[in-house]
All heavy atoms as atom14 arrays in JSON, in Angstrom:
{
  "sequence": "VTSIDDVLPYVSSPDLKQNLSSCKNSHIELKDEIQALLDKYHDKGKEP",
  "atom14_mask": [
    [1, 1, 1, 1, 1, 1, 1, 0, 0, 0, 0, 0, 0, 0],
    [1, 1, 1, 1, 1, 1, 1, 0, 0, 0, 0, 0, 0, 0],
    [1, 1, 1, 1, 1, 1, 0, 0, 0, 0, 0, 0, 0, 0],
    [1, 1, 1, 1, 1, 1, 1, 1, 0, 0, 0, 0, 0, 0],
    [1, 1, 1, 1, 1, 1, 1, 1, 0, 0, 0, 0, 0, 0],
    [1, 1, 1, 1, 1, 1, 1, 1, 0, 0, 0, 0, 0, 0],
    [1, 1, 1, 1, 1, 1, 1, 0, 0, 0, 0, 0, 0, 0],
    [1, 1, 1, 1, 1, 1, 1, 1, 0, 0, 0, 0, 0, 0],
    [1, 1, 1, 1, 1, 1, 1, 0, 0, 0, 0, 0, 0, 0],
    [1, 1, 1, 1, 1, 1, 1, 1, 1, 1, 1, 1, 0, 0],
    [1, 1, 1, 1, 1, 1, 1, 0, 0, 0, 0, 0, 0, 0],
    [1, 1, 1, 1, 1, 1, 0, 0, 0, 0, 0, 0, 0, 0],
    [1, 1, 1, 1, 1, 1, 0, 0, 0, 0, 0, 0, 0, 0],
    [1, 1, 1, 1, 1, 1, 1, 0, 0, 0, 0, 0, 0, 0],
    [1, 1, 1, 1, 1, 1, 1, 1, 0, 0, 0, 0, 0, 0],
    [1, 1, 1, 1, 1, 1, 1, 1, 0, 0, 0, 0, 0, 0],
    [1, 1, 1, 1, 1, 1, 1, 1, 1, 0, 0, 0, 0, 0],
    [1, 1, 1, 1, 1, 1, 1, 1, 1, 0, 0, 0, 0, 0],
    [1, 1, 1, 1, 1, 1, 1, 1, 0, 0, 0, 0, 0, 0],
    [1, 1, 1, 1, 1, 1, 1, 1, 0, 0, 0, 0, 0, 0],
    [1, 1, 1, 1, 1, 1, 0, 0, 0, 0, 0, 0, 0, 0],
    [1, 1, 1, 1, 1, 1, 0, 0, 0, 0, 0, 0, 0, 0],
    [1, 1, 1, 1, 1, 1, 0, 0, 0, 0, 0, 0, 0, 0],
    [1, 1, 1, 1, 1, 1, 1, 1, 1, 0, 0, 0, 0, 0],
    [1, 1, 1, 1, 1, 1, 1, 1, 0, 0, 0, 0, 0, 0],
    [1, 1, 1, 1, 1, 1, 0, 0, 0, 0, 0, 0, 0, 0],
    [1, 1, 1, 1, 1, 1, 1, 1, 1, 1, 0, 0, 0, 0],
    [1, 1, 1, 1, 1, 1, 1, 1, 0, 0, 0, 0, 0, 0],
    [1, 1, 1, 1, 1, 1, 1, 1, 1, 0, 0, 0, 0, 0],
    [1, 1, 1, 1, 1, 1, 1, 1, 0, 0, 0, 0, 0, 0],
    [1, 1, 1, 1, 1, 1, 1, 1, 1, 0, 0, 0, 0, 0],
    [1, 1, 1, 1, 1, 1, 1, 1, 0, 0, 0, 0, 0, 0],
    [1, 1, 1, 1, 1, 1, 1, 1, 1, 0, 0, 0, 0, 0],
    [1, 1, 1, 1, 1, 1, 1, 1, 0, 0, 0, 0, 0, 0],
    [1, 1, 1, 1, 1, 1, 1, 1, 1, 0, 0, 0, 0, 0],
    [1, 1, 1, 1, 1, 0, 0, 0, 0, 0, 0, 0, 0, 0],
    [1, 1, 1, 1, 1, 1, 1, 1, 0, 0, 0, 0, 0, 0],
    [1, 1, 1, 1, 1, 1, 1, 1, 0, 0, 0, 0, 0, 0],
    [1, 1, 1, 1, 1, 1, 1, 1, 0, 0, 0, 0, 0, 0],
    [1, 1, 1, 1, 1, 1, 1, 1, 1, 0, 0, 0, 0, 0],
    [1, 1, 1, 1, 1, 1, 1, 1, 1, 1, 1, 1, 0, 0],
    [1, 1, 1, 1, 1, 1, 1, 1, 1, 1, 0, 0, 0, 0],
    [1, 1, 1, 1, 1, 1, 1, 1, 0, 0, 0, 0, 0, 0],
    [1, 1, 1, 1, 1, 1, 1, 1, 1, 0, 0, 0, 0, 0],
    [1, 1, 1, 1, 0, 0, 0, 0, 0, 0, 0, 0, 0, 0],
    [1, 1, 1, 1, 1, 1, 1, 1, 1, 0, 0, 0, 0, 0],
    [1, 1, 1, 1, 1, 1, 1, 1, 1, 0, 0, 0, 0, 0],
    [1, 1, 1, 1, 1, 1, 1, 0, 0, 0, 0, 0, 0, 0]
  ],
  "atom14_positions": [
    [[3.6, 1.64, 0.93], [3.03, 2.16, -0.32], [3.89, 3.3, -0.86], [4.19, 3.36, -2.06], [1.56, 2.59, -0.13], [1.05, 3.38, -1.32], [0.68, 1.37, 0.12], [0.0, 0.0, 0.0], [0.0, 0.0, 0.0], [0.0, 0.0, 0.0], [0.0, 0.0, 0.0], [0.0, 0.0, 0.0], [0.0, 0.0, 0.0], [0.0, 0.0, 0.0]],
    [[4.31, 4.19, 0.02], [5.17, 5.31, -0.4], [6.48, 4.79, -0.96], [6.96, 5.27, -2.0], [5.44, 6.26, 0.79], [4.19, 6.81, 1.22], [6.38, 7.38, 0.41], [0.0, 0.0, 0.0], [0.0, 0.0, 0.0], [0.0, 0.0, 0.0], [0.0, 0.0, 0.0], [0.0, 0.0, 0.0], [0.0, 0.0, 0.0], [0.0, 0.0, 0.0]],
    [[7.07, 3.8, -0.31], [8.34, 3.24, -0.78], [8.19, 2.6, -2.16], [9.05, 2.78, -3.03], [8.87, 2.2, 0.22], [9.16, 2.81, 1.44], [0.0, 0.0, 0.0], [0.0, 0.0, 0.0], [0.0, 0.0, 0.0], [0.0, 0.0, 0.0], [0.0, 0.0, 0.0], [0.0, 0.0, 0.0], [0.0, 0.0, 0.0], [0.0, 0.0, 0.0]],
    [[7.11, 1.87, -2.36], [6.88, 1.26, -3.66], [6.69, 2.34, -4.72], [7.26, 2.27, -5.8], [5.68, 0.28, -3.6], [6.04, -0.94, -2.75], [5.26, -0.14, -5.02], [4.86, -1.85, -2.42], [0.0, 0.0, 0.0], [0.0, 0.0, 0.0], [0.0, 0.0, 0.0], [0.0, 0.0, 0.0], [0.0, 0.0, 0.0], [0.0, 0.0, 0.0]],
    [[5.91, 3.36, -4.39], [5.69, 4.46, -5.33], [7.01, 5.16, -5.68], [7.2, 5.6, -6.82], [4.7, 5.48, -4.76], [3.26, 5.01, -4.84], [2.96, 4.08, -5.63], [2.42, 5.57, -4.11], [0.0, 0.0, 0.0], [0.0, 0.0, 0.0], [0.0, 0.0, 0.0], [0.0, 0.0, 0.0], [0.0, 0.0, 0.0], [0.0, 0.0, 0.0]],
    [[7.92, 5.25, -4.71], [9.21, 5.91, -4.94], [10.07, 5.15, -5.95], [10.81, 5.77, -6.71], [9.99, 6.06, -3.63], [9.43, 7.14, -2.72], [8.6, 7.95, -3.18], [9.83, 7.16, -1.53], [0.0, 0.0, 0.0], [0.0, 0.0, 0.0], [0.0, 0.0, 0.0], [0.0, 0.0, 0.0], [0.0, 0.0, 0.0], [0.0, 0.0, 0.0]],
    [[10.0, 3.82, -5.95], [10.89, 3.04, -6.81], [10.27, 2.62, -8.14], [10.99, 2.34, -9.1], [11.46, 1.79, -6.09], [12.24, 2.19, -4.85], [10.39, 0.77, -5.76], [0.0, 0.0, 0.0], [0.0, 0.0, 0.0], [0.0, 0.0, 0.0], [0.0, 0.0, 0.0], [0.0, 0.0, 0.0], [0.0, 0.0, 0.0], [0.0, 0.0, 0.0]],
    [[8.95, 2.55, -8.21], [8.3, 2.06, -9.44], [8.77, 2.75, -10.72], [8.97, 2.07, -11.73], [6.78, 2.15, -9.31], [6.08, 0.93, -8.73], [4.59, 1.2, -8.54], [6.3, -0.32, -9.55], [0.0, 0.0, 0.0], [0.0, 0.0, 0.0], [0.0, 0.0, 0.0], [0.0, 0.0, 0.0], [0.0, 0.0, 0.0], [0.0, 0.0, 0.0]],
    [[8.98, 4.06, -10.73], [9.43, 4.69, -11.98], [10.8, 4.21, -12.47], [11.13, 4.38, -13.64], [9.48, 6.18, -11.64], [8.63, 6.35, -10.43], [8.7, 5.05, -9.69], [0.0, 0.0, 0.0], [0.0, 0.0, 0.0], [0.0, 0.0, 0.0], [0.0, 0.0, 0.0], [0.0, 0.0, 0.0], [0.0, 0.0, 0.0], [0.0, 0.0, 0.0]],
    [[11.58, 3.6, -11.59], [12.93, 3.17, -11.94], [13.01, 1.7, -12.34], [14.06, 1.22, -12.76], [13.89, 3.41, -10.76], [13.94, 4.87, -10.36], [13.16, 5.35, -9.32], [14.77, 5.76, -11.04], [13.21, 6.69, -8.95], [14.82, 7.1, -10.69], [14.03, 7.55, -9.64], [14.08, 8.87, -9.3], [0.0, 0.0, 0.0], [0.0, 0.0, 0.0]],
    [[11.92, 0.96, -12.19], [11.91, -0.48, -12.46], [11.93, -0.72, -13.97], [11.16, -0.12, -14.71], [10.67, -1.16, -11.83], [10.59, -2.62, -12.2], [10.68, -0.99, -10.32], [0.0, 0.0, 0.0], [0.0, 0.0, 0.0], [0.0, 0.0, 0.0], [0.0, 0.0, 0.0], [0.0, 0.0, 0.0], [0.0, 0.0, 0.0], [0.0, 0.0, 0.0]],
    [[12.81, -1.62, -14.4], [12.84, -1.95, -15.83], [12.19, -3.3, -16.12], [11.59, -3.47, -17.18], [14.27, -1.9, -16.37], [15.12, -2.68, -15.61], [0.0, 0.0, 0.0], [0.0, 0.0, 0.0], [0.0, 0.0, 0.0], [0.0, 0.0, 0.0], [0.0, 0.0, 0.0], [0.0, 0.0, 0.0], [0.0, 0.0, 0.0], [0.0, 0.0, 0.0]],
    [[12.25, -4.24, -15.21], [11.68, -5.57, -15.43], [10.16, -5.55, -15.26], [9.66, -5.15, -14.2], [12.28, -6.57, -14.44], [11.5, -7.74, -14.41], [0.0, 0.0, 0.0], [0.0, 0.0, 0.0], [0.0, 0.0, 0.0], [0.0, 0.0, 0.0], [0.0, 0.0, 0.0], [0.0, 0.0, 0.0], [0.0, 0.0, 0.0], [0.0, 0.0, 0.0]],
    [[9.42, -6.02, -16.27], [7.96, -6.11, -16.12], [7.56, -7.02, -14.96], [6.58, -6.75, -14.27], [7.49, -6.69, -17.45], [8.59, -6.39, -18.42], [9.87, -6.39, -17.62], [0.0, 0.0, 0.0], [0.0, 0.0, 0.0], [0.0, 0.0, 0.0], [0.0, 0.0, 0.0], [0.0, 0.0, 0.0], [0.0, 0.0, 0.0], [0.0, 0.0, 0.0]],
    [[8.33, -8.08, -14.72], [8.03, -9.01, -13.63], [8.18, -8.32, -12.27], [7.32, -8.45, -11.39], [8.95, -10.23, -13.72], [8.58, -11.32, -12.72], [7.4, -11.44, -12.35], [9.5, -12.07, -12.32], [0.0, 0.0, 0.0], [0.0, 0.0, 0.0], [0.0, 0.0, 0.0], [0.0, 0.0, 0.0], [0.0, 0.0, 0.0], [0.0, 0.0, 0.0]],
    [[9.25, -7.57, -12.09], [9.46, -6.85, -10.84], [8.39, -5.79, -10.66], [7.83, -5.62, -9.57], [10.85, -6.22, -10.79], [11.2, -5.44, -9.52], [11.05, -6.3, -8.26], [12.62, -4.87, -9.61], [0.0, 0.0, 0.0], [0.0, 0.0, 0.0], [0.0, 0.0, 0.0], [0.0, 0.0, 0.0], [0.0, 0.0, 0.0], [0.0, 0.0, 0.0]],
    [[8.07, -5.09, -11.73], [7.02, -4.06, -11.66], [5.69, -4.69, -11.25], [4.97, -4.13, -10.41], [6.88, -3.37, -13.01], [6.0, -2.13, -12.96], [6.11, -1.32, -14.24], [7.31, -0.45, -14.11], [7.3, 0.77, -14.87], [0.0, 0.0, 0.0], [0.0, 0.0, 0.0], [0.0, 0.0, 0.0], [0.0, 0.0, 0.0], [0.0, 0.0, 0.0]],
    [[5.38, -5.87, -11.8], [4.14, -6.56, -11.45], [4.14, -6.98, -9.97], [3.13, -6.82, -9.28], [3.95, -7.79, -12.35], [2.78, -8.68, -11.96], [1.45, -7.95, -11.92], [1.18, -7.09, -12.74], [0.63, -8.28, -10.94], [0.0, 0.0, 0.0], [0.0, 0.0, 0.0], [0.0, 0.0, 0.0], [0.0, 0.0, 0.0], [0.0, 0.0, 0.0]],
    [[5.28, -7.5, -9.5], [5.37, -7.89, -8.1], [5.16, -6.7, -7.16], [4.45, -6.8, -6.16], [6.73, -8.54, -7.81], [6.78, -9.98, -8.24], [6.0, -10.8, -7.79], [7.71, -10.31, -9.12], [0.0, 0.0, 0.0], [0.0, 0.0, 0.0], [0.0, 0.0, 0.0], [0.0, 0.0, 0.0], [0.0, 0.0, 0.0], [0.0, 0.0, 0.0]],
    [[5.79, -5.59, -7.49], [5.64, -4.4, -6.66], [4.22, -3.85, -6.7], [3.66, -3.48, -5.67], [6.65, -3.33, -7.09], [8.12, -3.65, -6.81], [9.03, -2.63, -7.48], [8.4, -3.74, -5.33], [0.0, 0.0, 0.0], [0.0, 0.0, 0.0], [0.0, 0.0, 0.0], [0.0, 0.0, 0.0], [0.0, 0.0, 0.0], [0.0, 0.0, 0.0]],
    [[3.64, -3.83, -7.88], [2.26, -3.32, -8.02], [1.28, -4.21, -7.27], [0.35, -3.72, -6.61], [1.88, -3.24, -9.5], [2.67, -2.29, -10.15], [0.0, 0.0, 0.0], [0.0, 0.0, 0.0], [0.0, 0.0, 0.0], [0.0, 0.0, 0.0], [0.0, 0.0, 0.0], [0.0, 0.0, 0.0], [0.0, 0.0, 0.0], [0.0, 0.0, 0.0]],
    [[1.47, -5.51, -7.36], [0.61, -6.45, -6.65], [0.73, -6.26, -5.14], [-0.28, -6.27, -4.42], [0.97, -7.88, -7.05], [0.22, -8.8, -6.32], [0.0, 0.0, 0.0], [0.0, 0.0, 0.0], [0.0, 0.0, 0.0], [0.0, 0.0, 0.0], [0.0, 0.0, 0.0], [0.0, 0.0, 0.0], [0.0, 0.0, 0.0], [0.0, 0.0, 0.0]],
    [[1.95, -6.08, -4.67], [2.18, -5.86, -3.24], [1.51, -4.55, -2.8], [0.87, -4.49, -1.75], [3.68, -5.83, -2.96], [4.07, -5.63, -1.22], [0.0, 0.0, 0.0], [0.0, 0.0, 0.0], [0.0, 0.0, 0.0], [0.0, 0.0, 0.0], [0.0, 0.0, 0.0], [0.0, 0.0, 0.0], [0.0, 0.0, 0.0], [0.0, 0.0, 0.0]],
    [[1.65, -3.53, -3.62], [1.01, -2.24, -3.3], [-0.49, -2.41, -3.21], [-1.12, -1.89, -2.27], [1.37, -1.2, -4.37], [0.73, 0.14, -4.15], [1.07, 1.11, -5.27], [0.26, 2.37, -5.15], [0.51, 3.3, -6.25], [0.0, 0.0, 0.0], [0.0, 0.0, 0.0], [0.0, 0.0, 0.0], [0.0, 0.0, 0.0], [0.0, 0.0, 0.0]],
    [[-1.1, -3.13, -4.15], [-2.54, -3.36, -4.12], [-2.96, -4.12, -2.86], [-3.99, -3.81, -2.26], [-2.99, -4.1, -5.37], [-2.89, -3.24, -6.61], [-2.87, -2.01, -6.54], [-2.78, -3.88, -7.76], [0.0, 0.0, 0.0], [0.0, 0.0, 0.0], [0.0, 0.0, 0.0], [0.0, 0.0, 0.0], [0.0, 0.0, 0.0], [0.0, 0.0, 0.0]],
    [[-2.15, -5.1, -2.46], [-2.45, -5.85, -1.23], [-2.38, -4.93, -0.02], [-3.21, -5.03, 0.9], [-1.47, -7.01, -1.06], [-1.64, -7.96, -2.08], [0.0, 0.0, 0.0], [0.0, 0.0, 0.0], [0.0, 0.0, 0.0], [0.0, 0.0, 0.0], [0.0, 0.0, 0.0], [0.0, 0.0, 0.0], [0.0, 0.0, 0.0], [0.0, 0.0, 0.0]],
    [[-1.4, -4.04, -0.01], [-1.28, -3.06, 1.08], [-2.53, -2.17, 1.14], [-3.06, -1.9, 2.22], [-0.04, -2.2, 0.9], [1.21, -2.79, 1.44], [1.85, -3.85, 0.85], [1.96, -2.47, 2.52], [2.93, -4.14, 1.53], [3.02, -3.32, 2.55], [0.0, 0.0, 0.0], [0.0, 0.0, 0.0], [0.0, 0.0, 0.0], [0.0, 0.0, 0.0]],
    [[-2.98, -1.73, 0.0], [-4.14, -0.84, -0.05], [-5.39, -1.57, 0.44], [-6.2, -1.0, 1.19], [-4.32, -0.25, -1.46], [-3.16, 0.73, -1.74], [-5.66, 0.46, -1.6], [-3.04, 1.17, -3.19], [0.0, 0.0, 0.0], [0.0, 0.0, 0.0], [0.0, 0.0, 0.0], [0.0, 0.0, 0.0], [0.0, 0.0, 0.0], [0.0, 0.0, 0.0]],
    [[-5.55, -2.82, 0.04], [-6.7, -3.61, 0.52], [-6.66, -3.77, 2.04], [-7.68, -3.62, 2.71], [-6.7, -4.98, -0.15], [-7.09, -4.95, -1.61], [-6.89, -6.3, -2.3], [-6.75, -7.33, -1.61], [-6.88, -6.31, -3.55], [0.0, 0.0, 0.0], [0.0, 0.0, 0.0], [0.0, 0.0, 0.0], [0.0, 0.0, 0.0], [0.0, 0.0, 0.0]],
    [[-5.46, -4.07, 2.57], [-5.34, -4.21, 4.02], [-5.57, -2.87, 4.72], [-6.17, -2.81, 5.79], [-3.96, -4.77, 4.39], [-3.77, -6.26, 4.14], [-2.31, -6.66, 4.33], [-4.67, -7.08, 5.05], [0.0, 0.0, 0.0], [0.0, 0.0, 0.0], [0.0, 0.0, 0.0], [0.0, 0.0, 0.0], [0.0, 0.0, 0.0], [0.0, 0.0, 0.0]],
    [[-5.13, -1.79, 4.11], [-5.34, -0.47, 4.69], [-6.82, -0.19, 4.83], [-7.26, 0.36, 5.84], [-4.68, 0.62, 3.85], [-4.92, 1.98, 4.49], [-4.21, 3.09, 3.87], [-4.45, 4.41, 4.55], [-5.23, 4.47, 5.75], [0.0, 0.0, 0.0], [0.0, 0.0, 0.0], [0.0, 0.0, 0.0], [0.0, 0.0, 0.0], [0.0, 0.0, 0.0]],
    [[-7.6, -0.56, 3.81], [-9.05, -0.36, 3.88], [-9.67, -1.15, 5.03], [-10.53, -0.64, 5.75], [-9.7, -0.75, 2.55], [-9.35, 0.2, 1.41], [-8.86, 1.32, 1.67], [-9.56, -0.2, 0.24], [0.0, 0.0, 0.0], [0.0, 0.0, 0.0], [0.0, 0.0, 0.0], [0.0, 0.0, 0.0], [0.0, 0.0, 0.0], [0.0, 0.0, 0.0]],
    [[-9.21, -2.37, 5.21], [-9.72, -3.2, 6.32], [-9.32, -2.6, 7.67], [-10.13, -2.56, 8.61], [-9.19, -4.63, 6.22], [-9.76, -5.41, 5.05], [-9.24, -6.83, 5.01], [-9.41, -7.55, 6.03], [-8.65, -7.23, 3.97], [0.0, 0.0, 0.0], [0.0, 0.0, 0.0], [0.0, 0.0, 0.0], [0.0, 0.0, 0.0], [0.0, 0.0, 0.0]],
    [[-8.08, -2.14, 7.75], [-7.6, -1.53, 8.99], [-8.36, -0.25, 9.28], [-8.76, 0.01, 10.41], [-6.07, -1.3, 8.92], [-5.36, -2.66, 9.03], [-5.6, -0.33, 9.99], [-3.9, -2.64, 8.66], [0.0, 0.0, 0.0], [0.0, 0.0, 0.0], [0.0, 0.0, 0.0], [0.0, 0.0, 0.0], [0.0, 0.0, 0.0], [0.0, 0.0, 0.0]],
    [[-8.59, 0.55, 8.23], [-9.31, 1.81, 8.42], [-10.74, 1.55, 8.9], [-11.25, 2.3, 9.74], [-9.31, 2.64, 7.14], [-9.81, 4.06, 7.35], [-8.99, 4.81, 8.38], [-7.78, 4.92, 8.27], [-9.66, 5.32, 9.42], [0.0, 0.0, 0.0], [0.0, 0.0, 0.0], [0.0, 0.0, 0.0], [0.0, 0.0, 0.0], [0.0, 0.0, 0.0]],
    [[-11.36, 0.5, 8.4], [-12.72, 0.17, 8.85], [-12.72, -0.13, 10.35], [-13.64, 0.32, 11.08], [-13.26, -1.02, 8.06], [0.0, 0.0, 0.0], [0.0, 0.0, 0.0], [0.0, 0.0, 0.0], [0.0, 0.0, 0.0], [0.0, 0.0, 0.0], [0.0, 0.0, 0.0], [0.0, 0.0, 0.0], [0.0, 0.0, 0.0], [0.0, 0.0, 0.0]],
    [[-11.72, -0.86, 10.82], [-11.64, -1.13, 12.26], [-11.31, 0.13, 13.05], [-11.87, 0.36, 14.12], [-10.61, -2.23, 12.54], [-11.01, -3.64, 12.12], [-9.86, -4.61, 12.37], [-12.26, -4.09, 12.85], [0.0, 0.0, 0.0], [0.0, 0.0, 0.0], [0.0, 0.0, 0.0], [0.0, 0.0, 0.0], [0.0, 0.0, 0.0], [0.0, 0.0, 0.0]],
    [[-10.4, 0.94, 12.52], [-10.08, 2.21, 13.21], [-11.32, 3.1, 13.29], [-11.54, 3.76, 14.32], [-8.94, 2.93, 12.49], [-7.54, 2.36, 12.71], [-6.56, 2.95, 11.71], [-7.07, 2.61, 14.13], [0.0, 0.0, 0.0], [0.0, 0.0, 0.0], [0.0, 0.0, 0.0], [0.0, 0.0, 0.0], [0.0, 0.0, 0.0], [0.0, 0.0, 0.0]],
    [[-12.11, 3.13, 12.23], [-13.34, 3.93, 12.24], [-14.28, 3.47, 13.34], [-14.94, 4.29, 13.99], [-14.06, 3.85, 10.88], [-13.33, 4.59, 9.77], [-12.42, 5.4, 10.07], [-13.67, 4.35, 8.59], [0.0, 0.0, 0.0], [0.0, 0.0, 0.0], [0.0, 0.0, 0.0], [0.0, 0.0, 0.0], [0.0, 0.0, 0.0], [0.0, 0.0, 0.0]],
    [[-14.32, 2.16, 13.56], [-15.15, 1.59, 14.62], [-14.77, 2.17, 15.99], [-15.61, 2.36, 16.86], [-15.0, 0.07, 14.6], [-15.81, -0.68, 15.6], [-15.6, -2.17, 15.4], [-15.52, -2.87, 16.72], [-15.26, -4.29, 16.61], [0.0, 0.0, 0.0], [0.0, 0.0, 0.0], [0.0, 0.0, 0.0], [0.0, 0.0, 0.0], [0.0, 0.0, 0.0]],
    [[-13.47, 2.45, 16.14], [-12.96, 3.01, 17.41], [-12.82, 4.53, 17.35], [-12.24, 5.14, 18.23], [-11.62, 2.37, 17.77], [-11.74, 0.91, 18.1], [-11.33, -0.07, 17.2], [-12.26, 0.5, 19.32], [-11.44, -1.42, 17.51], [-12.38, -0.85, 19.63], [-11.96, -1.8, 18.72], [-12.08, -3.13, 19.03], [0.0, 0.0, 0.0], [0.0, 0.0, 0.0]],
    [[-13.32, 5.13, 16.28], [-13.26, 6.59, 16.08], [-11.82, 7.1, 16.13], [-11.51, 8.09, 16.77], [-14.12, 7.32, 17.12], [-15.52, 6.8, 17.2], [-16.45, 7.0, 16.2], [-16.15, 6.02, 18.14], [-17.58, 6.41, 16.52], [-17.44, 5.8, 17.69], [0.0, 0.0, 0.0], [0.0, 0.0, 0.0], [0.0, 0.0, 0.0], [0.0, 0.0, 0.0]],
    [[-10.94, 6.37, 15.44], [-9.52, 6.73, 15.4], [-9.11, 6.97, 13.95], [-9.57, 6.27, 13.05], [-8.68, 5.61, 16.02], [-7.26, 6.04, 16.32], [-6.42, 6.0, 15.4], [-7.01, 6.44, 17.47], [0.0, 0.0, 0.0], [0.0, 0.0, 0.0], [0.0, 0.0, 0.0], [0.0, 0.0, 0.0], [0.0, 0.0, 0.0], [0.0, 0.0, 0.0]],
    [[-8.25, 7.94, 13.75], [-7.84, 8.3, 12.38], [-6.6, 7.57, 11.89], [-6.18, 7.77, 10.77], [-7.6, 9.81, 12.31], [-8.86, 10.59, 12.51], [-8.66, 12.06, 12.37], [-9.97, 12.74, 12.69], [-10.06, 14.09, 12.26], [0.0, 0.0, 0.0], [0.0, 0.0, 0.0], [0.0, 0.0, 0.0], [0.0, 0.0, 0.0], [0.0, 0.0, 0.0]],
    [[-6.0, 6.74, 12.72], [-4.8, 6.02, 12.29], [-3.55, 6.78, 12.64], [-3.56, 7.68, 13.48], [0.0, 0.0, 0.0], [0.0, 0.0, 0.0], [0.0, 0.0, 0.0], [0.0, 0.0, 0.0], [0.0, 0.0, 0.0], [0.0, 0.0, 0.0], [0.0, 0.0, 0.0], [0.0, 0.0, 0.0], [0.0, 0.0, 0.0], [0.0, 0.0, 0.0]],
    [[-2.48, 6.43, 11.95], [-1.18, 7.02, 12.28], [-0.37, 7.2, 11.01], [-0.33, 6.33, 10.15], [-0.44, 6.09, 13.25], [0.92, 6.57, 13.67], [1.55, 5.58, 14.64], [2.99, 5.96, 14.93], [3.64, 4.98, 15.8], [0.0, 0.0, 0.0], [0.0, 0.0, 0.0], [0.0, 0.0, 0.0], [0.0, 0.0, 0.0], [0.0, 0.0, 0.0]],
    [[0.3, 8.33, 10.93], [1.24, 8.58, 9.84], [2.6, 8.02, 10.24], [2.95, 8.0, 11.43], [1.37, 10.09, 9.57], [0.13, 10.71, 8.97], [-0.22, 10.17, 7.6], [0.7, 9.95, 6.79], [-1.42, 9.94, 7.35], [0.0, 0.0, 0.0], [0.0, 0.0, 0.0], [0.0, 0.0, 0.0], [0.0, 0.0, 0.0], [0.0, 0.0, 0.0]],
    [[3.38, 7.58, 9.26], [4.74, 7.14, 9.59], [5.53, 8.3, 10.2], [5.27, 9.46, 9.88], [5.33, 6.73, 8.24], [4.18, 6.6, 7.31], [3.08, 7.46, 7.85], [0.0, 0.0, 0.0], [0.0, 0.0, 0.0], [0.0, 0.0, 0.0], [0.0, 0.0, 0.0], [0.0, 0.0, 0.0], [0.0, 0.0, 0.0], [0.0, 0.0, 0.0]]
  ]
}
């Protein structure tokens, strides 16, 4: 997500911007699912 956020301001193609934004949204959805499981184990996750 950080990497996508770093490059999005430089993207000129609407198609590439859409692909990156869609990928970012998928990452965020998966993060929510992962966080729900981590919460079950009382774990806060991990920073890169």
